[in-house]
Amino acid sequence: MEKRLETKQMKLTKQTLKQIIKEELDAMLSEEQVDVKVRNFPSNSGEPRYFVKVGDKFYQTQESVAKDIEQNGYDPKKHDYEMSPVSDEMQMKIAPKMR
């Protein structure tokens, strides 16, 4: 007796395939266009503080997160929840140093 495996095939319409390709390209382009900078500035007491500039927004984070971004690149899904937005006052102080 010979057994046959049946495979189910999913048919993609031309429109569905175009939509998938468009979504993937948009995702790639949006990831590549973000300008990210990481800097370490000491506090008034001399302790290191780590800041990340993502596009035009500024965040403060831990050393391990800052180093991961520097070494492996910025990943919003991985890093966003580990960064805190900085106050307007702090942003005014660090923005010129993060160019």
C-alpha atoms as a PDB file:
ATOM      1  CA  MET A   1       0.000   0.000   0.000  1.00  0.00           C
ATOM      2  CA  GLU A   2       1.282   3.394  -0.930  1.00  0.00           C
ATOM      3  CA  LYS A   3       0.507   6.340   1.283  1.00  0.00           C
ATOM      4  CA  ARG A   4       0.299   9.810  -0.140  1.00  0.00           C
ATOM      5  CA  LEU A   5       0.785  13.012   1.705  1.00  0.00           C
ATOM      6  CA  GLU A   6      -1.567  15.707   0.702  1.00  0.00           C
ATOM      7  CA  THR A   7      -0.367  19.240   0.903  1.00  0.00           C
ATOM      8  CA  LYS A   8      -2.589  22.214   1.181  1.00  0.00           C
ATOM      9  CA  GLN A   9      -1.576  25.126  -0.925  1.00  0.00           C
ATOM     10  CA  MET A  10      -2.431  28.667  -0.143  1.00  0.00           C
ATOM     11  CA  LYS A  11      -3.210  30.718  -3.184  1.00  0.00           C
ATOM     12  CA  LEU A  12      -2.154  34.341  -3.145  1.00  0.00           C
ATOM     13  CA  THR A  13      -3.824  36.832  -5.356  1.00  0.00           C
ATOM     14  CA  LYS A  14      -1.701  39.363  -7.126  1.00  0.00           C
ATOM     15  CA  GLN A  15      -3.225  42.118  -4.968  1.00  0.00           C
ATOM     16  CA  THR A  16      -2.452  40.259  -1.707  1.00  0.00           C
ATOM     17  CA  LEU A  17       1.137  39.662  -2.766  1.00  0.00           C
ATOM     18  CA  LYS A  18       1.567  43.342  -3.655  1.00  0.00           C
ATOM     19  CA  GLN A  19       0.182  44.342  -0.242  1.00  0.00           C
ATOM     20  CA  ILE A  20       2.577  41.992   1.598  1.00  0.00           C
ATOM     21  CA  ILE A  21       5.552  43.328  -0.341  1.00  0.00           C
ATOM     22  CA  LYS A  22       4.496  46.942   0.276  1.00  0.00           C
ATOM     23  CA  GLU A  23       4.128  46.348   4.032  1.00  0.00           C
ATOM     24  CA  GLU A  24       7.542  44.682   4.267  1.00  0.00           C
ATOM     25  CA  LEU A  25       9.240  47.454   2.289  1.00  0.00           C
ATOM     26  CA  ASP A  26       7.574  50.142   4.421  1.00  0.00           C
ATOM     27  CA  ALA A  27       8.736  48.389   7.590  1.00  0.00           C
ATOM     28  CA  MET A  28      12.319  48.149   6.312  1.00  0.00           C
ATOM     29  CA  LEU A  29      12.429  51.768   5.195  1.00  0.00           C
ATOM     30  CA  SER A  30      11.005  53.099   8.446  1.00  0.00           C
ATOM     31  CA  GLU A  31      13.606  51.170  10.456  1.00  0.00           C
ATOM     32  CA  GLU A  32      16.497  52.424   8.331  1.00  0.00           C
ATOM     33  CA  GLN A  33      15.536  56.090   8.361  1.00  0.00           C
ATOM     34  CA  VAL A  34      15.642  56.599  12.133  1.00  0.00           C
ATOM     35  CA  ASP A  35      18.715  58.550  13.214  1.00  0.00           C
ATOM     36  CA  VAL A  36      19.890  57.191  16.583  1.00  0.00           C
ATOM     37  CA  LYS A  37      22.683  58.583  18.747  1.00  0.00           C
ATOM     38  CA  VAL A  38      23.878  57.381  22.152  1.00  0.00           C
ATOM     39  CA  ARG A  39      25.850  59.598  24.536  1.00  0.00           C
ATOM     40  CA  ASN A  40      27.145  59.388  28.094  1.00  0.00           C
ATOM     41  CA  PHE A  41      27.092  62.608  30.124  1.00  0.00           C
ATOM     42  CA  PRO A  42      28.087  62.743  33.794  1.00  0.00           C
ATOM     43  CA  SER A  43      25.607  64.050  36.337  1.00  0.00           C
ATOM     44  CA  ASN A  44      26.532  66.903  38.690  1.00  0.00           C
ATOM     45  CA  SER A  45      27.880  64.310  41.118  1.00  0.00           C
ATOM     46  CA  GLY A  46      29.990  62.689  38.391  1.00  0.00           C
ATOM     47  CA  GLU A  47      27.891  59.565  37.908  1.00  0.00           C
ATOM     48  CA  PRO A  48      27.437  58.504  34.271  1.00  0.00           C
ATOM     49  CA  ARG A  49      24.040  59.075  32.664  1.00  0.00           C
ATOM     50  CA  TYR A  50      23.167  57.589  29.313  1.00  0.00           C
ATOM     51  CA  PHE A  51      21.047  59.412  26.766  1.00  0.00           C
ATOM     52  CA  VAL A  52      19.637  58.212  23.474  1.00  0.00           C
ATOM     53  CA  LYS A  53      18.366  60.442  20.684  1.00  0.00           C
ATOM     54  CA  VAL A  54      15.899  58.687  18.379  1.00  0.00           C
ATOM     55  CA  GLY A  55      14.943  60.946  15.514  1.00  0.00           C
ATOM     56  CA  ASP A  56      14.095  64.213  17.286  1.00  0.00           C
ATOM     57  CA  LYS A  57      13.189  62.666  20.663  1.00  0.00           C
ATOM     58  CA  PHE A  58      15.505  62.333  23.660  1.00  0.00           C
ATOM     59  CA  TYR A  59      15.521  59.545  26.252  1.00  0.00           C
ATOM     60  CA  GLN A  60      17.525  58.521  29.295  1.00  0.00           C
ATOM     61  CA  THR A  61      18.378  54.870  29.830  1.00  0.00           C
ATOM     62  CA  GLN A  62      20.615  52.428  31.650  1.00  0.00           C
ATOM     63  CA  GLU A  63      24.196  51.676  30.656  1.00  0.00           C
ATOM     64  CA  SER A  64      23.347  48.150  29.462  1.00  0.00           C
ATOM     65  CA  VAL A  65      20.609  49.415  27.126  1.00  0.00           C
ATOM     66  CA  ALA A  66      22.831  52.188  25.754  1.00  0.00           C
ATOM     67  CA  LYS A  67      25.637  49.724  25.035  1.00  0.00           C
ATOM     68  CA  ASP A  68      23.223  47.270  23.408  1.00  0.00           C
ATOM     69  CA  ILE A  69      21.972  50.024  21.093  1.00  0.00           C
ATOM     70  CA  GLU A  70      25.545  51.004  20.226  1.00  0.00           C
ATOM     71  CA  GLN A  71      26.616  47.425  19.532  1.00  0.00           C
ATOM     72  CA  ASN A  72      23.508  45.927  17.934  1.00  0.00           C
ATOM     73  CA  GLY A  73      21.538  48.904  16.692  1.00  0.00           C
ATOM     74  CA  TYR A  74      18.265  50.368  17.840  1.00  0.00           C
ATOM     75  CA  ASP A  75      15.237  48.073  17.899  1.00  0.00           C
ATOM     76  CA  PRO A  76      12.030  49.857  19.000  1.00  0.00           C
ATOM     77  CA  LYS A  77      10.363  46.596  20.026  1.00  0.00           C
ATOM     78  CA  LYS A  78      13.298  45.757  22.285  1.00  0.00           C
ATOM     79  CA  HIS A  79      14.446  49.151  23.580  1.00  0.00           C
ATOM     80  CA  ASP A  80      11.483  51.536  23.781  1.00  0.00           C
ATOM     81  CA  TYR A  81      10.130  50.195  27.073  1.00  0.00           C
ATOM     82  CA  GLU A  82      13.603  50.535  28.666  1.00  0.00           C
ATOM     83  CA  MET A  83      13.976  54.254  27.917  1.00  0.00           C
ATOM     84  CA  SER A  84      12.421  57.246  29.689  1.00  0.00           C
ATOM     85  CA  PRO A  85      11.684  60.534  27.932  1.00  0.00           C
ATOM     86  CA  VAL A  86      13.768  63.434  29.262  1.00  0.00           C
ATOM     87  CA  SER A  87      12.294  66.705  30.499  1.00  0.00           C
ATOM     88  CA  ASP A  88      12.306  69.785  28.285  1.00  0.00           C
ATOM     89  CA  GLU A  89      14.906  71.364  30.564  1.00  0.00           C
ATOM     90  CA  MET A  90      17.238  68.380  30.260  1.00  0.00           C
ATOM     91  CA  GLN A  91      16.670  68.214  26.527  1.00  0.00           C
ATOM     92  CA  MET A  92      17.822  71.831  26.195  1.00  0.00           C
ATOM     93  CA  LYS A  93      21.059  70.935  28.011  1.00  0.00           C
ATOM     94  CA  ILE A  94      21.930  67.787  26.085  1.00  0.00           C
ATOM     95  CA  ALA A  95      20.579  68.543  22.588  1.00  0.00           C
ATOM     96  CA  PRO A  96      23.593  70.638  21.482  1.00  0.00           C
ATOM     97  CA  LYS A  97      25.951  67.867  22.620  1.00  0.00           C
ATOM     98  CA  MET A  98      24.144  65.162  20.664  1.00  0.00           C
ATOM     99  CA  ARG A  99      24.619  66.498  17.152  1.00  0.00           C
END
